[in-house]
Amino acid sequence: MSMNTQPGSAIVLGVGPGLGLALCKVFASKGLKVAAGSRGGAQCAVGISGVTPYTVDAADSESVQKLVDAVERDIGPIRVAVFNAAPRPKRVSVLDLQPQDFEQSWRIGCLGGLQLGQAVASRMCARGESGTLLFTGATASLRGGSMLADFASAKCGLRAVAQSMARELSPRGIHVAHVIVDGLIQGEIAEKLAGPASAPDSRMDPDELALCYWQIHEQGRSAWTHELDLRPYCEKF
């Protein structure tokens, strides 16, 4: 039986109109008060019942800590946190990749996950309570694609952070899971990257993805998932 379904709050860091927004909606529909965080103030979440938008910079440790402190103070104890922030993939040759761009990708996509996990887990441990930390991965979590060295390094690093956290925090009742989203998510970004979908359901439905995150959060501790990979039926792997 799950120990993580008591009332409280959830944080989703990295909220845009796709998966991030869907995560906010599903957690709110299950009775949690949700904090939606993004650099732009999570404007897409304004007006959604049970969801409070926040401005946060995933690459800045002070900003992430302030978010966690504000949520605990104003909304309630955090039961689940989702790190969904990621640098925007830009195809750049390794011959041209600038160190500052590489570092910024790592700060957003990897360091940000560590910072959120640290801040939330510290609160959970101090209370002696269980909870869930979820990290969004990608195809690049498993392999570095050509001309995507900065993005791949951030996603591979985030996966390693999640593994280390799981091995340390699981015995303390904190469920840490890494979700590999291996495919394009329906929406404007996918349209810009790859044009119209080639077949029905060849793009991932953000609402269906979000339900998978909730199912992980609900798991009883005798059978915890650490890594889950999700992809459309027609995606090659």
Protein backbone atom coordinates (compact mmCIF):
# COMPACT_ATOMS: atom_id res chain seq x y z
CA MET A 1 0.00 0.00 0.00
CA SER A 2 1.28 3.46 -0.87
CA MET A 3 2.47 5.72 1.93
CA ASN A 4 2.60 8.77 -0.37
CA THR A 5 -1.07 9.62 -0.92
CA GLN A 6 -1.70 11.79 2.16
CA PRO A 7 -2.84 15.40 1.58
CA GLY A 8 -0.17 17.99 0.99
CA SER A 9 1.51 19.79 -1.87
CA ALA A 10 3.34 18.96 -5.07
CA ILE A 11 5.99 20.91 -6.96
CA VAL A 12 6.41 20.71 -10.71
CA LEU A 13 9.54 22.59 -11.77
CA GLY A 14 9.60 23.17 -15.51
CA VAL A 15 6.02 23.98 -16.47
CA GLY A 16 5.15 24.74 -20.07
CA PRO A 17 2.01 24.01 -22.09
CA GLY A 18 2.90 20.32 -22.61
CA LEU A 19 3.95 17.74 -20.04
CA GLY A 20 4.57 20.26 -17.24
CA LEU A 21 1.03 21.60 -17.39
CA ALA A 22 -0.42 18.09 -17.66
CA LEU A 23 1.49 17.07 -14.53
CA CYS A 24 0.07 20.03 -12.63
CA LYS A 25 -3.46 19.14 -13.68
CA VAL A 26 -3.25 15.46 -12.78
CA PHE A 27 -1.71 16.07 -9.35
CA ALA A 28 -4.31 18.76 -8.61
CA SER A 29 -7.11 16.42 -9.71
CA LYS A 30 -5.88 13.88 -7.14
CA GLY A 31 -6.23 16.34 -4.28
CA LEU A 32 -2.74 17.81 -3.98
CA LYS A 33 -2.13 21.55 -3.94
CA VAL A 34 0.29 22.15 -6.79
CA ALA A 35 3.09 24.68 -7.21
CA ALA A 36 3.87 25.23 -10.90
CA GLY A 37 7.32 26.69 -11.42
CA SER A 38 9.10 28.10 -14.46
CA ARG A 39 11.35 31.01 -15.41
CA GLY A 40 8.38 32.70 -17.04
CA GLY A 41 6.11 32.30 -14.02
CA ALA A 42 4.21 29.29 -15.41
CA GLN A 43 1.69 31.55 -17.12
CA CYS A 44 0.01 28.58 -18.78
CA ALA A 45 -1.08 27.40 -15.31
CA VAL A 46 -2.78 30.66 -14.29
CA GLY A 47 -6.42 30.12 -13.36
CA ILE A 48 -6.25 26.33 -12.99
CA SER A 49 -7.98 25.16 -9.83
CA GLY A 50 -5.57 23.89 -7.19
CA VAL A 51 -2.47 25.19 -9.02
CA THR A 52 -0.36 28.17 -7.93
CA PRO A 53 2.19 29.56 -10.42
CA TYR A 54 5.68 30.55 -9.25
CA THR A 55 8.68 32.13 -10.95
CA VAL A 56 11.85 30.07 -10.48
CA ASP A 57 15.18 29.63 -12.25
CA ALA A 58 16.19 25.96 -12.22
CA ALA A 59 19.83 26.92 -12.77
CA ASP A 60 19.96 29.08 -9.63
CA SER A 61 20.24 27.29 -6.28
CA GLU A 62 18.89 30.23 -4.27
CA SER A 63 15.86 30.50 -6.54
CA VAL A 64 15.07 26.79 -6.19
CA GLN A 65 15.47 26.90 -2.40
CA LYS A 66 13.18 29.94 -2.19
CA LEU A 67 10.55 28.06 -4.19
CA VAL A 68 10.64 25.07 -1.84
CA ASP A 69 10.52 27.31 1.23
CA ALA A 70 7.58 29.28 -0.16
CA VAL A 71 5.60 26.16 -1.05
CA GLU A 72 6.12 24.60 2.38
CA ARG A 73 5.14 27.87 4.07
CA ASP A 74 2.19 28.90 1.91
CA ILE A 75 0.73 25.68 0.50
CA GLY A 76 1.73 22.76 2.70
CA PRO A 77 4.25 19.95 3.20
CA ILE A 78 5.63 18.67 -0.09
CA ARG A 79 4.66 15.06 -0.84
CA VAL A 80 5.96 14.87 -4.39
CA ALA A 81 8.34 16.94 -6.51
CA VAL A 82 8.81 16.63 -10.25
CA PHE A 83 11.88 18.01 -11.99
CA ASN A 84 10.73 18.59 -15.55
CA ALA A 85 13.06 21.43 -16.56
CA ALA A 86 15.45 20.93 -19.46
CA PRO A 87 17.60 23.02 -21.78
CA ARG A 88 16.12 23.49 -25.23
CA PRO A 89 17.97 21.09 -27.58
CA LYS A 90 20.03 22.98 -30.15
CA ARG A 91 21.99 21.13 -32.78
CA VAL A 92 25.57 22.41 -32.54
CA SER A 93 28.74 20.67 -33.69
CA VAL A 94 31.13 19.71 -30.89
CA LEU A 95 33.69 21.73 -32.87
CA ASP A 96 31.63 24.87 -32.35
CA LEU A 97 30.03 24.25 -28.95
CA GLN A 98 30.94 27.06 -26.56
CA PRO A 99 31.92 26.21 -22.95
CA GLN A 100 29.45 28.72 -21.53
CA ASP A 101 26.59 27.16 -23.51
CA PHE A 102 27.60 23.67 -22.39
CA GLU A 103 27.71 24.82 -18.76
CA GLN A 104 24.34 26.55 -18.96
CA SER A 105 22.70 23.40 -20.36
CA TRP A 106 24.17 21.40 -17.48
CA ARG A 107 23.02 23.96 -14.92
CA ILE A 108 19.44 23.91 -16.16
CA GLY A 109 19.09 20.21 -16.90
CA CYS A 110 21.26 18.51 -14.28
CA LEU A 111 22.27 20.85 -11.46
CA GLY A 112 18.68 22.07 -11.22
CA GLY A 113 17.50 18.53 -10.58
CA LEU A 114 20.05 18.04 -7.84
CA GLN A 115 19.05 21.33 -6.22
CA LEU A 116 15.33 20.54 -6.22
CA GLY A 117 15.93 17.01 -4.95
CA GLN A 118 18.18 18.26 -2.15
CA ALA A 119 15.79 20.97 -1.01
CA VAL A 120 12.71 18.75 -0.99
CA ALA A 121 14.37 15.63 0.44
CA SER A 122 15.85 17.70 3.28
CA ARG A 123 12.33 18.75 4.27
CA MET A 124 11.00 15.20 4.04
CA CYS A 125 13.86 13.77 6.09
CA ALA A 126 13.51 16.46 8.75
CA ARG A 127 9.85 15.51 9.19
CA GLY A 128 10.62 11.80 9.10
CA GLU A 129 8.08 11.40 6.30
CA SER A 130 8.00 9.53 3.03
CA GLY A 131 7.64 11.23 -0.34
CA THR A 132 8.40 11.03 -4.03
CA LEU A 133 11.01 12.67 -6.26
CA LEU A 134 10.45 12.29 -10.00
CA PHE A 135 12.86 13.33 -12.74
CA THR A 136 12.00 13.67 -16.43
CA GLY A 137 14.54 12.10 -18.76
CA ALA A 138 14.73 11.80 -22.52
CA THR A 139 16.22 9.68 -25.28
CA ALA A 140 19.44 11.58 -24.60
CA SER A 141 19.51 10.17 -21.06
CA LEU A 142 20.75 6.92 -22.59
CA ARG A 143 22.80 8.02 -25.58
CA GLY A 144 24.37 11.18 -26.89
CA GLY A 145 23.11 12.14 -30.31
CA SER A 146 25.19 13.83 -32.98
CA MET A 147 25.43 17.60 -32.44
CA LEU A 148 23.64 17.37 -29.08
CA ALA A 149 26.58 17.06 -26.69
CA ASP A 150 25.41 19.72 -24.24
CA PHE A 151 21.83 18.44 -24.03
CA ALA A 152 22.92 14.80 -23.75
CA SER A 153 25.45 15.52 -21.03
CA ALA A 154 22.78 17.25 -18.95
CA LYS A 155 20.26 14.43 -19.37
CA CYS A 156 22.80 11.66 -18.73
CA GLY A 157 23.98 13.53 -15.66
CA LEU A 158 20.44 13.93 -14.35
CA ARG A 159 19.88 10.19 -14.69
CA ALA A 160 23.01 9.51 -12.62
CA VAL A 161 21.89 12.00 -9.97
CA ALA A 162 18.52 10.22 -9.75
CA GLN A 163 20.24 6.85 -9.36
CA SER A 164 22.48 8.14 -6.56
CA MET A 165 19.55 9.77 -4.80
CA ALA A 166 17.50 6.59 -5.03
CA ARG A 167 20.22 4.44 -3.51
CA GLU A 168 20.70 6.85 -0.63
CA LEU A 169 17.13 7.97 0.04
CA SER A 170 15.04 4.86 -0.63
CA PRO A 171 15.86 3.33 2.79
CA ARG A 172 14.54 6.56 4.33
CA GLY A 173 11.18 6.15 2.61
CA ILE A 174 11.72 8.56 -0.27
CA HIS A 175 10.81 7.10 -3.65
CA VAL A 176 13.10 8.42 -6.40
CA ALA A 177 12.23 7.63 -10.01
CA HIS A 178 13.55 8.65 -13.43
CA VAL A 179 11.09 8.70 -16.34
CA ILE A 180 12.57 8.47 -19.84
CA VAL A 181 10.31 10.19 -22.36
CA ASP A 182 11.53 8.56 -25.57
CA GLY A 183 9.62 10.43 -28.25
CA LEU A 184 8.10 13.75 -29.21
CA ILE A 185 5.29 15.11 -27.06
CA GLN A 186 2.21 16.49 -28.81
CA GLY A 187 2.26 20.24 -29.13
CA GLU A 188 3.77 23.28 -30.75
CA ILE A 189 7.39 22.39 -30.00
CA ALA A 190 7.07 19.01 -31.73
CA GLU A 191 5.42 20.67 -34.72
CA LYS A 192 8.32 23.11 -35.04
CA LEU A 193 10.95 20.38 -34.67
CA ALA A 194 9.47 17.72 -36.92
CA GLY A 195 6.37 19.03 -38.65
CA PRO A 196 2.99 17.28 -38.54
CA ALA A 197 2.72 13.84 -36.93
CA SER A 198 3.36 10.99 -39.36
CA ALA A 199 0.62 8.74 -37.96
CA PRO A 200 -2.14 8.74 -35.34
CA ASP A 201 -0.73 8.50 -31.79
CA SER A 202 2.85 8.81 -33.04
CA ARG A 203 3.26 11.79 -30.72
CA MET A 204 3.06 11.29 -26.96
CA ASP A 205 -0.08 12.53 -25.22
CA PRO A 206 1.02 14.71 -22.26
CA ASP A 207 -2.04 13.72 -20.23
CA GLU A 208 -1.24 10.03 -20.62
CA LEU A 209 2.38 10.68 -19.67
CA ALA A 210 1.31 12.60 -16.57
CA LEU A 211 -0.85 9.69 -15.41
CA CYS A 212 2.23 7.46 -15.49
CA TYR A 213 4.00 9.85 -13.11
CA TRP A 214 1.02 9.72 -10.76
CA GLN A 215 1.01 5.92 -10.88
CA ILE A 216 4.66 5.88 -9.80
CA HIS A 217 3.85 8.21 -6.91
CA GLU A 218 1.06 5.86 -5.79
CA GLN A 219 3.20 2.72 -5.72
CA GLY A 220 3.58 0.81 -2.49
CA ARG A 221 7.13 0.55 -1.24
CA SER A 222 7.33 -3.23 -1.68
CA ALA A 223 7.36 -2.68 -5.46
CA TRP A 224 8.89 0.66 -6.40
CA THR A 225 9.81 1.63 -9.95
CA HIS A 226 13.11 3.45 -10.26
CA GLU A 227 13.26 3.89 -14.04
CA LEU A 228 10.42 3.84 -16.53
CA ASP A 229 10.82 4.37 -20.26
CA LEU A 230 7.81 5.53 -22.27
CA ARG A 231 7.44 5.84 -26.03
CA PRO A 232 4.78 5.70 -28.76
CA TYR A 233 3.92 2.29 -30.21
CA CYS A 234 5.69 3.17 -33.47
CA GLU A 235 8.89 4.66 -32.02
CA LYS A 236 12.05 2.73 -32.92
CA PHE A 237 14.32 1.78 -30.04
